[in-house]
């Protein structure tokens, strides 16, 4: 499934100071709400967070306007200010569903790809196609969203309530490799069918594919083996479709 994302940024630019900028698809009202409800609500200039601070956010302004992304303490700027915020994220201009929410939560855990430099204003921001998360390599650290918060988000989605999240990770750095990222997603998607056994099942299947060195081949094998563990063909097809949709995998349908 192709998902088009707008880009949005607030930070301090060289020779321009604090500014927000967005790609063409981001409406003016969303850029203003982003500044008010994300940046101004969570960055206190008089008492900034410590260096190295980061956070993840997800803000649904209305059913068809959502932003999500990351906030960082970006160090010193050319004006001598020691605490410069860098709020970068994406805009989704369609209603949220389970597949897009899966994508967003895994994306937040991984971190952003290329981000604009503060050295020139305005940076040229364009809409992008959401990356294939099975092969995606982030350029800044993300924030892993824990299962309790994930469940609350999906509950809000099911109840058609507005989704809102701003999460700062624990002080200890969370280091994730490819398997842990994918395991986290697969266990979440498998839980409706296997309950508490989902996480154990995913770990066992992933361990059984350790000899496969090519990442995409390995993910396809894991998905196929997990689907085979389900009781009926409808569940198998539904699980496979959802996982492949959020990971952007194109492969044999089995």
C-alpha atoms as a PDB file:
ATOM      1  CA  UNK A   1       0.000   0.000   0.000  1.00  0.00           C
ATOM      2  CA  UNK A   2       1.390   3.415  -0.999  1.00  0.00           C
ATOM      3  CA  UNK A   3       1.089   6.095   1.673  1.00  0.00           C
ATOM      4  CA  UNK A   4       1.912   9.716   0.791  1.00  0.00           C
ATOM      5  CA  UNK A   5       3.285  11.837   3.622  1.00  0.00           C
ATOM      6  CA  UNK A   6       3.802  15.578   3.879  1.00  0.00           C
ATOM      7  CA  UNK A   7       6.791  16.874   5.857  1.00  0.00           C
ATOM      8  CA  UNK A   8       6.783  19.503   8.595  1.00  0.00           C
ATOM      9  CA  UNK A   9       9.577  21.048  10.662  1.00  0.00           C
ATOM     10  CA  UNK A  10      10.118  23.597  13.424  1.00  0.00           C
ATOM     11  CA  UNK A  11      13.600  24.646  14.565  1.00  0.00           C
ATOM     12  CA  UNK A  12      16.087  27.538  14.632  1.00  0.00           C
ATOM     13  CA  UNK A  13      17.588  28.239  11.204  1.00  0.00           C
ATOM     14  CA  UNK A  14      20.853  30.055  10.571  1.00  0.00           C
ATOM     15  CA  UNK A  15      20.166  33.769   9.921  1.00  0.00           C
ATOM     16  CA  UNK A  16      16.406  33.240  10.283  1.00  0.00           C
ATOM     17  CA  UNK A  17      15.847  32.113  13.866  1.00  0.00           C
ATOM     18  CA  UNK A  18      12.863  30.033  14.902  1.00  0.00           C
ATOM     19  CA  UNK A  19      10.619  29.114  11.990  1.00  0.00           C
ATOM     20  CA  UNK A  20       8.274  26.379  10.869  1.00  0.00           C
ATOM     21  CA  UNK A  21       8.196  25.078   7.312  1.00  0.00           C
ATOM     22  CA  UNK A  22       6.124  22.411   5.572  1.00  0.00           C
ATOM     23  CA  UNK A  23       5.776  20.640   2.238  1.00  0.00           C
ATOM     24  CA  UNK A  24       3.004  21.707  -0.168  1.00  0.00           C
ATOM     25  CA  UNK A  25       0.379  19.174   0.966  1.00  0.00           C
ATOM     26  CA  UNK A  26       0.401  20.385   4.585  1.00  0.00           C
ATOM     27  CA  UNK A  27      -2.508  22.835   5.098  1.00  0.00           C
ATOM     28  CA  UNK A  28      -1.827  26.174   6.765  1.00  0.00           C
ATOM     29  CA  UNK A  29      -4.130  25.328   9.674  1.00  0.00           C
ATOM     30  CA  UNK A  30      -2.219  22.097  10.321  1.00  0.00           C
ATOM     31  CA  UNK A  31       1.110  23.951  10.397  1.00  0.00           C
ATOM     32  CA  UNK A  32      -0.361  26.378  12.945  1.00  0.00           C
ATOM     33  CA  UNK A  33      -1.808  23.544  15.061  1.00  0.00           C
ATOM     34  CA  UNK A  34       1.550  21.774  14.876  1.00  0.00           C
ATOM     35  CA  UNK A  35       3.267  24.831  16.357  1.00  0.00           C
ATOM     36  CA  UNK A  36       0.629  25.301  19.057  1.00  0.00           C
ATOM     37  CA  UNK A  37      -0.206  21.760  20.157  1.00  0.00           C
ATOM     38  CA  UNK A  38       3.093  20.007  19.516  1.00  0.00           C
ATOM     39  CA  UNK A  39       5.959  22.517  19.729  1.00  0.00           C
ATOM     40  CA  UNK A  40       4.645  25.156  22.148  1.00  0.00           C
ATOM     41  CA  UNK A  41       2.864  22.588  24.316  1.00  0.00           C
ATOM     42  CA  UNK A  42       5.968  20.458  24.840  1.00  0.00           C
ATOM     43  CA  UNK A  43       9.000  22.755  24.639  1.00  0.00           C
ATOM     44  CA  UNK A  44       9.560  25.202  27.474  1.00  0.00           C
ATOM     45  CA  UNK A  45      12.145  27.783  26.406  1.00  0.00           C
ATOM     46  CA  UNK A  46      12.567  28.977  30.006  1.00  0.00           C
ATOM     47  CA  UNK A  47      13.199  25.443  31.274  1.00  0.00           C
ATOM     48  CA  UNK A  48      14.319  23.293  28.324  1.00  0.00           C
ATOM     49  CA  UNK A  49      14.978  19.568  28.573  1.00  0.00           C
ATOM     50  CA  UNK A  50      18.544  18.260  28.942  1.00  0.00           C
ATOM     51  CA  UNK A  51      20.876  17.693  26.039  1.00  0.00           C
ATOM     52  CA  UNK A  52      20.261  14.379  24.349  1.00  0.00           C
ATOM     53  CA  UNK A  53      16.506  14.580  25.025  1.00  0.00           C
ATOM     54  CA  UNK A  54      14.154  13.176  22.418  1.00  0.00           C
ATOM     55  CA  UNK A  55      10.462  12.378  22.164  1.00  0.00           C
ATOM     56  CA  UNK A  56       7.870  10.988  19.776  1.00  0.00           C
ATOM     57  CA  UNK A  57       4.515  12.553  19.042  1.00  0.00           C
ATOM     58  CA  UNK A  58       1.295  11.607  17.299  1.00  0.00           C
ATOM     59  CA  UNK A  59      -1.457  14.225  17.009  1.00  0.00           C
ATOM     60  CA  UNK A  60      -4.773  13.715  15.227  1.00  0.00           C
ATOM     61  CA  UNK A  61      -6.271  17.180  14.757  1.00  0.00           C
ATOM     62  CA  UNK A  62      -9.405  15.820  13.087  1.00  0.00           C
ATOM     63  CA  UNK A  63     -10.332  12.503  11.401  1.00  0.00           C
ATOM     64  CA  UNK A  64      -8.464  13.384   8.188  1.00  0.00           C
ATOM     65  CA  UNK A  65      -5.527  15.436   9.488  1.00  0.00           C
ATOM     66  CA  UNK A  66      -2.765  13.768  11.508  1.00  0.00           C
ATOM     67  CA  UNK A  67       0.863  14.602  12.219  1.00  0.00           C
ATOM     68  CA  UNK A  68       3.457  12.312  13.779  1.00  0.00           C
ATOM     69  CA  UNK A  69       7.176  12.523  14.297  1.00  0.00           C
ATOM     70  CA  UNK A  70       9.978  13.278  16.704  1.00  0.00           C
ATOM     71  CA  UNK A  71      11.364  16.080  18.840  1.00  0.00           C
ATOM     72  CA  UNK A  72      15.054  16.481  19.676  1.00  0.00           C
ATOM     73  CA  UNK A  73      17.275  18.745  21.737  1.00  0.00           C
ATOM     74  CA  UNK A  74      19.482  19.853  18.859  1.00  0.00           C
ATOM     75  CA  UNK A  75      22.225  21.640  20.810  1.00  0.00           C
ATOM     76  CA  UNK A  76      23.494  25.195  20.290  1.00  0.00           C
ATOM     77  CA  UNK A  77      22.577  27.581  17.479  1.00  0.00           C
ATOM     78  CA  UNK A  78      24.542  30.437  15.871  1.00  0.00           C
ATOM     79  CA  UNK A  79      22.957  32.924  18.292  1.00  0.00           C
ATOM     80  CA  UNK A  80      24.636  31.228  21.228  1.00  0.00           C
ATOM     81  CA  UNK A  81      21.468  29.609  22.538  1.00  0.00           C
ATOM     82  CA  UNK A  82      22.314  26.285  24.175  1.00  0.00           C
ATOM     83  CA  UNK A  83      18.891  24.690  23.853  1.00  0.00           C
ATOM     84  CA  UNK A  84      17.505  24.471  20.339  1.00  0.00           C
ATOM     85  CA  UNK A  85      14.410  22.362  19.605  1.00  0.00           C
ATOM     86  CA  UNK A  86      14.162  20.307  16.434  1.00  0.00           C
ATOM     87  CA  UNK A  87      10.612  19.084  15.814  1.00  0.00           C
ATOM     88  CA  UNK A  88      10.364  17.059  12.619  1.00  0.00           C
ATOM     89  CA  UNK A  89       7.521  14.927  11.386  1.00  0.00           C
ATOM     90  CA  UNK A  90       5.076  13.868   8.740  1.00  0.00           C
ATOM     91  CA  UNK A  91       1.518  14.785   7.800  1.00  0.00           C
ATOM     92  CA  UNK A  92      -1.133  12.266   6.786  1.00  0.00           C
ATOM     93  CA  UNK A  93      -4.188  13.777   5.117  1.00  0.00           C
ATOM     94  CA  UNK A  94      -6.468  10.726   5.143  1.00  0.00           C
ATOM     95  CA  UNK A  95      -8.464   8.977   7.900  1.00  0.00           C
ATOM     96  CA  UNK A  96      -6.458   6.631  10.089  1.00  0.00           C
ATOM     97  CA  UNK A  97      -7.037   2.878   9.936  1.00  0.00           C
ATOM     98  CA  UNK A  98      -5.273  -0.134  11.398  1.00  0.00           C
ATOM     99  CA  UNK A  99      -2.721  -0.375   8.602  1.00  0.00           C
ATOM    100  CA  UNK A 100      -1.708   3.295   8.692  1.00  0.00           C
ATOM    101  CA  UNK A 101      -1.580   3.191  12.510  1.00  0.00           C
ATOM    102  CA  UNK A 102       0.669   0.117  12.368  1.00  0.00           C
ATOM    103  CA  UNK A 103       2.965   2.000  10.008  1.00  0.00           C
ATOM    104  CA  UNK A 104       3.035   5.124  12.202  1.00  0.00           C
ATOM    105  CA  UNK A 105       3.875   3.269  15.429  1.00  0.00           C
ATOM    106  CA  UNK A 106       6.699   1.263  13.865  1.00  0.00           C
ATOM    107  CA  UNK A 107       7.967   4.406  12.127  1.00  0.00           C
ATOM    108  CA  UNK A 108       8.081   6.249  15.483  1.00  0.00           C
ATOM    109  CA  UNK A 109      10.085   3.416  16.992  1.00  0.00           C
ATOM    110  CA  UNK A 110      12.646   3.445  14.200  1.00  0.00           C
ATOM    111  CA  UNK A 111      13.173   7.213  13.793  1.00  0.00           C
ATOM    112  CA  UNK A 112      13.235   9.621  10.840  1.00  0.00           C
ATOM    113  CA  UNK A 113      15.130   9.313   7.602  1.00  0.00           C
ATOM    114  CA  UNK A 114      16.802  12.339   5.968  1.00  0.00           C
ATOM    115  CA  UNK A 115      15.939  15.545   7.832  1.00  0.00           C
ATOM    116  CA  UNK A 116      16.529  19.144   6.699  1.00  0.00           C
ATOM    117  CA  UNK A 117      19.590  21.053   7.848  1.00  0.00           C
ATOM    118  CA  UNK A 118      19.272  24.132  10.049  1.00  0.00           C
ATOM    119  CA  UNK A 119      21.923  25.875   7.941  1.00  0.00           C
ATOM    120  CA  UNK A 120      19.579  27.407   5.368  1.00  0.00           C
ATOM    121  CA  UNK A 121      16.039  28.747   5.279  1.00  0.00           C
ATOM    122  CA  UNK A 122      13.720  27.823   3.841  1.00  0.00           C
ATOM    123  CA  UNK A 123      14.685  24.193   3.262  1.00  0.00           C
ATOM    124  CA  UNK A 124      12.934  22.551   0.345  1.00  0.00           C
ATOM    125  CA  UNK A 125      10.443  20.078   1.749  1.00  0.00           C
ATOM    126  CA  UNK A 126       8.511  17.782  -0.573  1.00  0.00           C
ATOM    127  CA  UNK A 127       5.861  15.147  -0.015  1.00  0.00           C
ATOM    128  CA  UNK A 128       7.309  11.640   0.172  1.00  0.00           C
ATOM    129  CA  UNK A 129       6.166   8.051  -0.169  1.00  0.00           C
ATOM    130  CA  UNK A 130       6.303   6.233   3.167  1.00  0.00           C
ATOM    131  CA  UNK A 131       9.368   3.977   3.143  1.00  0.00           C
ATOM    132  CA  UNK A 132       9.327   0.201   3.198  1.00  0.00           C
ATOM    133  CA  UNK A 133       9.902  -0.446   6.884  1.00  0.00           C
ATOM    134  CA  UNK A 134      11.467  -3.882   6.436  1.00  0.00           C
ATOM    135  CA  UNK A 135      14.529  -2.240   4.827  1.00  0.00           C
ATOM    136  CA  UNK A 136      14.298   1.289   6.218  1.00  0.00           C
ATOM    137  CA  UNK A 137      17.428   2.733   7.873  1.00  0.00           C
ATOM    138  CA  UNK A 138      16.733   5.726  10.181  1.00  0.00           C
ATOM    139  CA  UNK A 139      19.228   8.586  10.469  1.00  0.00           C
ATOM    140  CA  UNK A 140      18.157   9.687  13.961  1.00  0.00           C
ATOM    141  CA  UNK A 141      16.999   7.552  16.903  1.00  0.00           C
ATOM    142  CA  UNK A 142      13.305   6.919  17.357  1.00  0.00           C
ATOM    143  CA  UNK A 143      11.158   6.226  20.413  1.00  0.00           C
ATOM    144  CA  UNK A 144       9.769   2.730  20.944  1.00  0.00           C
ATOM    145  CA  UNK A 145       6.067   2.887  21.833  1.00  0.00           C
ATOM    146  CA  UNK A 146       5.322   0.328  24.542  1.00  0.00           C
ATOM    147  CA  UNK A 147       2.474  -2.146  24.287  1.00  0.00           C
ATOM    148  CA  UNK A 148       0.220  -0.497  26.878  1.00  0.00           C
ATOM    149  CA  UNK A 149       0.263   2.786  24.995  1.00  0.00           C
ATOM    150  CA  UNK A 150      -0.221   0.959  21.693  1.00  0.00           C
ATOM    151  CA  UNK A 151      -3.325  -0.757  23.057  1.00  0.00           C
ATOM    152  CA  UNK A 152      -4.749   2.573  24.231  1.00  0.00           C
ATOM    153  CA  UNK A 153      -4.121   4.083  20.797  1.00  0.00           C
ATOM    154  CA  UNK A 154      -5.862   1.227  18.996  1.00  0.00           C
ATOM    155  CA  UNK A 155      -8.767   1.459  21.447  1.00  0.00           C
ATOM    156  CA  UNK A 156      -9.144   5.158  20.634  1.00  0.00           C
ATOM    157  CA  UNK A 157      -8.993   4.322  16.939  1.00  0.00           C
ATOM    158  CA  UNK A 158     -11.719   1.682  17.290  1.00  0.00           C
ATOM    159  CA  UNK A 159     -13.894   4.127  19.244  1.00  0.00           C
ATOM    160  CA  UNK A 160     -13.299   6.858  16.646  1.00  0.00           C
ATOM    161  CA  UNK A 161     -11.792   9.097  19.345  1.00  0.00           C
ATOM    162  CA  UNK A 162      -8.986  11.531  18.560  1.00  0.00           C
ATOM    163  CA  UNK A 163      -5.543   9.988  18.967  1.00  0.00           C
ATOM    164  CA  UNK A 164      -2.917  12.002  20.832  1.00  0.00           C
ATOM    165  CA  UNK A 165       0.528  10.946  22.033  1.00  0.00           C
ATOM    166  CA  UNK A 166       3.681  12.646  23.269  1.00  0.00           C
ATOM    167  CA  UNK A 167       6.184  10.176  24.680  1.00  0.00           C
ATOM    168  CA  UNK A 168       9.679  10.638  26.102  1.00  0.00           C
ATOM    169  CA  UNK A 169      11.662   7.379  26.428  1.00  0.00           C
ATOM    170  CA  UNK A 170      13.332   6.222  29.602  1.00  0.00           C
ATOM    171  CA  UNK A 171      16.804   7.710  30.209  1.00  0.00           C
ATOM    172  CA  UNK A 172      18.480   4.468  29.194  1.00  0.00           C
ATOM    173  CA  UNK A 173      19.043   4.338  25.437  1.00  0.00           C
ATOM    174  CA  UNK A 174      16.912   1.791  23.628  1.00  0.00           C
ATOM    175  CA  UNK A 175      19.006  -0.006  21.047  1.00  0.00           C
ATOM    176  CA  UNK A 176      17.036  -2.045  18.554  1.00  0.00           C
ATOM    177  CA  UNK A 177      18.215  -4.272  15.795  1.00  0.00           C
ATOM    178  CA  UNK A 178      16.240  -5.428  12.783  1.00  0.00           C
ATOM    179  CA  UNK A 179      14.796  -8.518  14.481  1.00  0.00           C
ATOM    180  CA  UNK A 180      13.573  -6.662  17.567  1.00  0.00           C
ATOM    181  CA  UNK A 181      11.807  -4.027  15.477  1.00  0.00           C
ATOM    182  CA  UNK A 182      10.040  -6.616  13.357  1.00  0.00           C
ATOM    183  CA  UNK A 183       9.286  -8.865  16.342  1.00  0.00           C
ATOM    184  CA  UNK A 184       7.581  -5.989  18.102  1.00  0.00           C
ATOM    185  CA  UNK A 185       5.287  -5.353  15.144  1.00  0.00           C
ATOM    186  CA  UNK A 186       4.574  -9.013  14.406  1.00  0.00           C
ATOM    187  CA  UNK A 187       3.670  -9.793  18.012  1.00  0.00           C
ATOM    188  CA  UNK A 188       1.252  -6.869  18.006  1.00  0.00           C
ATOM    189  CA  UNK A 189      -0.435  -8.041  14.812  1.00  0.00           C
ATOM    190  CA  UNK A 190      -0.494 -11.684  15.894  1.00  0.00           C
ATOM    191  CA  UNK A 191      -1.979 -11.023  19.349  1.00  0.00           C
ATOM    192  CA  UNK A 192      -5.640 -10.921  18.182  1.00  0.00           C
ATOM    193  CA  UNK A 193      -5.255 -14.540  17.043  1.00  0.00           C
ATOM    194  CA  UNK A 194      -2.876 -16.074  19.611  1.00  0.00           C
ATOM    195  CA  UNK A 195      -3.218 -13.801  22.636  1.00  0.00           C
ATOM    196  CA  UNK A 196      -0.329 -14.015  25.093  1.00  0.00           C
ATOM    197  CA  UNK A 197       1.357 -16.698  23.025  1.00  0.00           C
ATOM    198  CA  UNK A 198       1.979 -14.218  20.193  1.00  0.00           C
ATOM    199  CA  UNK A 199       5.296 -12.870  21.469  1.00  0.00           C
ATOM    200  CA  UNK A 200       6.730 -16.319  22.214  1.00  0.00           C
ATOM    201  CA  UNK A 201       5.599 -17.640  18.843  1.00  0.00           C
ATOM    202  CA  UNK A 202       7.227 -14.721  17.010  1.00  0.00           C
ATOM    203  CA  UNK A 203      10.512 -15.193  18.892  1.00  0.00           C
ATOM    204  CA  UNK A 204      10.581 -18.906  18.069  1.00  0.00           C
ATOM    205  CA  UNK A 205       9.845 -18.366  14.382  1.00  0.00           C
ATOM    206  CA  UNK A 206      12.376 -15.541  14.034  1.00  0.00           C
ATOM    207  CA  UNK A 207      15.057 -17.666  15.725  1.00  0.00           C
ATOM    208  CA  UNK A 208      14.291 -20.420  13.239  1.00  0.00           C
ATOM    209  CA  UNK A 209      15.113 -18.140  10.310  1.00  0.00           C
ATOM    210  CA  UNK A 210      18.449 -16.861  11.639  1.00  0.00           C
ATOM    211  CA  UNK A 211      20.352 -18.532   8.816  1.00  0.00           C
ATOM    212  CA  UNK A 212      18.627 -16.333   6.207  1.00  0.00           C
ATOM    213  CA  UNK A 213      20.902 -13.344   5.712  1.00  0.00           C
ATOM    214  CA  UNK A 214      18.871 -11.392   3.139  1.00  0.00           C
ATOM    215  CA  UNK A 215      16.447  -9.195   5.166  1.00  0.00           C
ATOM    216  CA  UNK A 216      13.455  -9.261   2.820  1.00  0.00           C
ATOM    217  CA  UNK A 217      13.655 -13.025   2.314  1.00  0.00           C
ATOM    218  CA  UNK A 218      13.800 -13.511   6.062  1.00  0.00           C
ATOM    219  CA  UNK A 219      10.767 -11.326   6.750  1.00  0.00           C
ATOM    220  CA  UNK A 220       8.743 -13.146   4.083  1.00  0.00           C
ATOM    221  CA  UNK A 221       9.659 -16.492   5.612  1.00  0.00           C
ATOM    222  CA  UNK A 222       8.702 -15.323   9.097  1.00  0.00           C
ATOM    223  CA  UNK A 223       5.348 -13.971   7.909  1.00  0.00           C
ATOM    224  CA  UNK A 224       4.553 -17.208   6.068  1.00  0.00           C
ATOM    225  CA  UNK A 225       5.455 -19.375   9.071  1.00  0.00           C
ATOM    226  CA  UNK A 226       3.425 -17.256  11.488  1.00  0.00           C
ATOM    227  CA  UNK A 227       0.424 -17.396   9.174  1.00  0.00           C
ATOM    228  CA  UNK A 228       0.772 -21.193   9.047  1.00  0.00           C
ATOM    229  CA  UNK A 229       0.384 -21.267  12.848  1.00  0.00           C
ATOM    230  CA  UNK A 230      -3.143 -19.852  12.621  1.00  0.00           C
ATOM    231  CA  UNK A 231      -6.186 -22.102  12.620  1.00  0.00           C
ATOM    232  CA  UNK A 232      -8.193 -21.012   9.594  1.00  0.00           C
ATOM    233  CA  UNK A 233      -7.568 -19.714   6.097  1.00  0.00           C
ATOM    234  CA  UNK A 234      -9.400 -16.425   6.678  1.00  0.00           C
ATOM    235  CA  UNK A 235      -7.180 -15.557   9.656  1.00  0.00           C
ATOM    236  CA  UNK A 236      -4.075 -16.577   7.731  1.00  0.00           C
ATOM    237  CA  UNK A 237      -4.989 -14.365   4.777  1.00  0.00           C
ATOM    238  CA  UNK A 238      -5.984 -11.412   6.979  1.00  0.00           C
ATOM    239  CA  UNK A 239      -2.782 -11.572   9.049  1.00  0.00           C
ATOM    240  CA  UNK A 240      -0.565 -11.883   5.973  1.00  0.00           C
ATOM    241  CA  UNK A 241      -2.291  -8.999   4.187  1.00  0.00           C
ATOM    242  CA  UNK A 242      -2.004  -6.669   7.154  1.00  0.00           C
ATOM    243  CA  UNK A 243       1.673  -7.401   7.834  1.00  0.00           C
ATOM    244  CA  UNK A 244       2.689  -7.057   4.193  1.00  0.00           C
ATOM    245  CA  UNK A 245       0.708  -3.842   3.868  1.00  0.00           C
ATOM    246  CA  UNK A 246       2.386  -2.090   6.771  1.00  0.00           C
ATOM    247  CA  UNK A 247       5.880  -3.346   5.919  1.00  0.00           C
ATOM    248  CA  UNK A 248       5.504  -2.539   2.230  1.00  0.00           C
ATOM    249  CA  UNK A 249       6.410  -6.090   1.257  1.00  0.00           C
ATOM    250  CA  UNK A 250       5.717  -7.367  -2.224  1.00  0.00           C
ATOM    251  CA  UNK A 251       6.214 -11.081  -2.537  1.00  0.00           C
ATOM    252  CA  UNK A 252       4.544 -14.416  -3.162  1.00  0.00           C
ATOM    253  CA  UNK A 253       1.066 -14.494  -1.666  1.00  0.00           C
ATOM    254  CA  UNK A 254       1.158 -18.230  -0.948  1.00  0.00           C
END
